[in-house]
Amino acid sequence: MDFGVSIMKEAKSNGEVYLMSVGCVLDSSNAMIYPMLADGSTDLLDEGVSLRHVTEEWVDALSEEDVVKIGEVVDNLNMNIVDDPEYLKDGILGSVLELK
């Protein structure tokens, strides 16, 4: 059994998007980010952080694949990541737009 494939199938069914480059799980229903435990599960005891409040260092650590995953969630939620248009150019949305 391929553990990675199993995790991804589970993620599809419950709305979790695995961001392997930063060791986090993104809840696609509300754009909250939670730590990923060593076994690949989500730390639901953690309060999580909104995608709107991630640090620049966290964004810089994202792989291109994970940036695209985040972009899809942002699009599906029809979400404005931040209120500051200047940040959008350099933040997650800017990274997604560069890849498109």
C-alpha atoms as a PDB file:
ATOM      1  CA  MET A   1       0.000   0.000   0.000  1.00  0.00           C
ATOM      2  CA  ASP A   2       1.372   3.391  -0.982  1.00  0.00           C
ATOM      3  CA  PHE A   3       0.945   5.571   2.109  1.00  0.00           C
ATOM      4  CA  GLY A   4       1.251   8.807   0.083  1.00  0.00           C
ATOM      5  CA  VAL A   5      -1.530   7.770  -2.284  1.00  0.00           C
ATOM      6  CA  SER A   6      -3.694   6.740   0.666  1.00  0.00           C
ATOM      7  CA  ILE A   7      -3.261  10.158   2.269  1.00  0.00           C
ATOM      8  CA  MET A   8      -4.152  11.952  -0.944  1.00  0.00           C
ATOM      9  CA  LYS A   9      -7.318   9.878  -1.402  1.00  0.00           C
ATOM     10  CA  GLU A  10      -8.315  10.715   2.174  1.00  0.00           C
ATOM     11  CA  ALA A  11      -7.573  14.380   1.548  1.00  0.00           C
ATOM     12  CA  LYS A  12      -9.879  14.460  -1.458  1.00  0.00           C
ATOM     13  CA  SER A  13     -12.753  13.023   0.554  1.00  0.00           C
ATOM     14  CA  ASN A  14     -12.613  15.362   3.548  1.00  0.00           C
ATOM     15  CA  GLY A  15     -11.425  18.637   2.004  1.00  0.00           C
ATOM     16  CA  GLU A  16      -7.893  18.540   3.325  1.00  0.00           C
ATOM     17  CA  VAL A  17      -5.157  19.664   0.962  1.00  0.00           C
ATOM     18  CA  TYR A  18      -1.695  18.409   1.917  1.00  0.00           C
ATOM     19  CA  LEU A  19       1.083  20.987   1.558  1.00  0.00           C
ATOM     20  CA  MET A  20       4.084  18.727   1.842  1.00  0.00           C
ATOM     21  CA  SER A  21       6.695  21.459   1.309  1.00  0.00           C
ATOM     22  CA  VAL A  22       5.693  23.177   4.550  1.00  0.00           C
ATOM     23  CA  GLY A  23       4.370  20.181   6.505  1.00  0.00           C
ATOM     24  CA  CYS A  24       0.844  21.557   6.755  1.00  0.00           C
ATOM     25  CA  VAL A  25      -2.711  20.704   5.817  1.00  0.00           C
ATOM     26  CA  LEU A  26      -5.036  23.283   4.273  1.00  0.00           C
ATOM     27  CA  ASP A  27      -8.754  22.930   4.968  1.00  0.00           C
ATOM     28  CA  SER A  28     -10.311  23.729   1.593  1.00  0.00           C
ATOM     29  CA  SER A  29     -13.663  24.652   3.153  1.00  0.00           C
ATOM     30  CA  ASN A  30     -12.378  27.610   5.166  1.00  0.00           C
ATOM     31  CA  ALA A  31      -8.705  28.233   4.198  1.00  0.00           C
ATOM     32  CA  MET A  32      -7.405  27.340   7.659  1.00  0.00           C
ATOM     33  CA  ILE A  33      -3.951  25.782   7.889  1.00  0.00           C
ATOM     34  CA  TYR A  34      -3.035  23.110  10.419  1.00  0.00           C
ATOM     35  CA  PRO A  35       0.235  21.341  11.217  1.00  0.00           C
ATOM     36  CA  MET A  36       0.761  17.892   9.754  1.00  0.00           C
ATOM     37  CA  LEU A  37       1.850  15.220  12.225  1.00  0.00           C
ATOM     38  CA  ALA A  38       4.671  12.765  11.522  1.00  0.00           C
ATOM     39  CA  ASP A  39       2.181  10.063  10.490  1.00  0.00           C
ATOM     40  CA  GLY A  40       0.599  12.392   7.900  1.00  0.00           C
ATOM     41  CA  SER A  41      -2.530  13.132   9.905  1.00  0.00           C
ATOM     42  CA  THR A  42      -3.766  16.613  10.797  1.00  0.00           C
ATOM     43  CA  ASP A  43      -3.200  18.094  14.247  1.00  0.00           C
ATOM     44  CA  LEU A  44      -6.814  18.992  14.983  1.00  0.00           C
ATOM     45  CA  LEU A  45      -5.917  20.059  18.527  1.00  0.00           C
ATOM     46  CA  ASP A  46      -4.014  22.989  17.045  1.00  0.00           C
ATOM     47  CA  GLU A  47      -6.061  26.157  16.513  1.00  0.00           C
ATOM     48  CA  GLY A  48      -4.649  26.563  13.018  1.00  0.00           C
ATOM     49  CA  VAL A  49      -3.948  29.795  11.189  1.00  0.00           C
ATOM     50  CA  SER A  50      -5.901  31.482   8.439  1.00  0.00           C
ATOM     51  CA  LEU A  51      -4.328  31.575   4.996  1.00  0.00           C
ATOM     52  CA  ARG A  52      -4.662  35.348   5.326  1.00  0.00           C
ATOM     53  CA  HIS A  53      -2.218  35.379   8.249  1.00  0.00           C
ATOM     54  CA  VAL A  54       0.693  33.223   7.099  1.00  0.00           C
ATOM     55  CA  THR A  55       4.208  34.629   7.290  1.00  0.00           C
ATOM     56  CA  GLU A  56       6.357  35.625   4.355  1.00  0.00           C
ATOM     57  CA  GLU A  57       8.833  32.885   5.344  1.00  0.00           C
ATOM     58  CA  TRP A  58       6.055  30.291   5.141  1.00  0.00           C
ATOM     59  CA  VAL A  59       5.070  31.497   1.666  1.00  0.00           C
ATOM     60  CA  ASP A  60       8.725  31.417   0.537  1.00  0.00           C
ATOM     61  CA  ALA A  61       9.015  27.781   1.679  1.00  0.00           C
ATOM     62  CA  LEU A  62       6.097  26.608  -0.504  1.00  0.00           C
ATOM     63  CA  SER A  63       6.871  24.455  -3.509  1.00  0.00           C
ATOM     64  CA  GLU A  64       5.374  25.439  -6.872  1.00  0.00           C
ATOM     65  CA  GLU A  65       3.038  22.453  -6.615  1.00  0.00           C
ATOM     66  CA  ASP A  66       1.751  23.626  -3.236  1.00  0.00           C
ATOM     67  CA  VAL A  67       1.325  27.207  -4.482  1.00  0.00           C
ATOM     68  CA  VAL A  68      -0.927  25.876  -7.252  1.00  0.00           C
ATOM     69  CA  LYS A  69      -2.938  23.842  -4.713  1.00  0.00           C
ATOM     70  CA  ILE A  70      -3.440  26.962  -2.590  1.00  0.00           C
ATOM     71  CA  GLY A  71      -4.419  28.950  -5.668  1.00  0.00           C
ATOM     72  CA  GLU A  72      -7.120  26.397  -6.480  1.00  0.00           C
ATOM     73  CA  VAL A  73      -8.542  26.645  -2.956  1.00  0.00           C
ATOM     74  CA  VAL A  74      -8.465  30.452  -3.095  1.00  0.00           C
ATOM     75  CA  ASP A  75     -10.276  30.360  -6.457  1.00  0.00           C
ATOM     76  CA  ASN A  76     -12.866  27.832  -5.242  1.00  0.00           C
ATOM     77  CA  LEU A  77     -13.607  29.942  -2.162  1.00  0.00           C
ATOM     78  CA  ASN A  78     -13.661  33.125  -4.268  1.00  0.00           C
ATOM     79  CA  MET A  79     -11.444  34.543  -1.578  1.00  0.00           C
ATOM     80  CA  ASN A  80      -9.467  37.766  -1.323  1.00  0.00           C
ATOM     81  CA  ILE A  81      -6.326  36.692   0.519  1.00  0.00           C
ATOM     82  CA  VAL A  82      -5.471  40.106   1.933  1.00  0.00           C
ATOM     83  CA  ASP A  83      -6.850  43.607   1.852  1.00  0.00           C
ATOM     84  CA  ASP A  84      -3.539  45.212   0.858  1.00  0.00           C
ATOM     85  CA  PRO A  85      -3.199  45.151  -2.978  1.00  0.00           C
ATOM     86  CA  GLU A  86       0.588  45.616  -2.766  1.00  0.00           C
ATOM     87  CA  TYR A  87       0.929  42.399  -0.756  1.00  0.00           C
ATOM     88  CA  LEU A  88      -1.047  40.517  -3.391  1.00  0.00           C
ATOM     89  CA  LYS A  89       1.719  41.134  -5.942  1.00  0.00           C
ATOM     90  CA  ASP A  90       4.348  39.506  -3.738  1.00  0.00           C
ATOM     91  CA  GLY A  91       2.237  37.061  -1.746  1.00  0.00           C
ATOM     92  CA  ILE A  92       0.567  33.780  -2.564  1.00  0.00           C
ATOM     93  CA  LEU A  93      -1.673  35.175  -5.287  1.00  0.00           C
ATOM     94  CA  GLY A  94       1.318  36.744  -7.016  1.00  0.00           C
ATOM     95  CA  SER A  95       3.082  33.382  -6.963  1.00  0.00           C
ATOM     96  CA  VAL A  96       0.038  31.652  -8.396  1.00  0.00           C
ATOM     97  CA  LEU A  97      -0.329  34.212 -11.155  1.00  0.00           C
ATOM     98  CA  GLU A  98       3.329  33.798 -12.144  1.00  0.00           C
ATOM     99  CA  LEU A  99       2.797  30.045 -12.572  1.00  0.00           C
ATOM    100  CA  LYS A 100      -0.320  30.407 -14.756  1.00  0.00           C
END
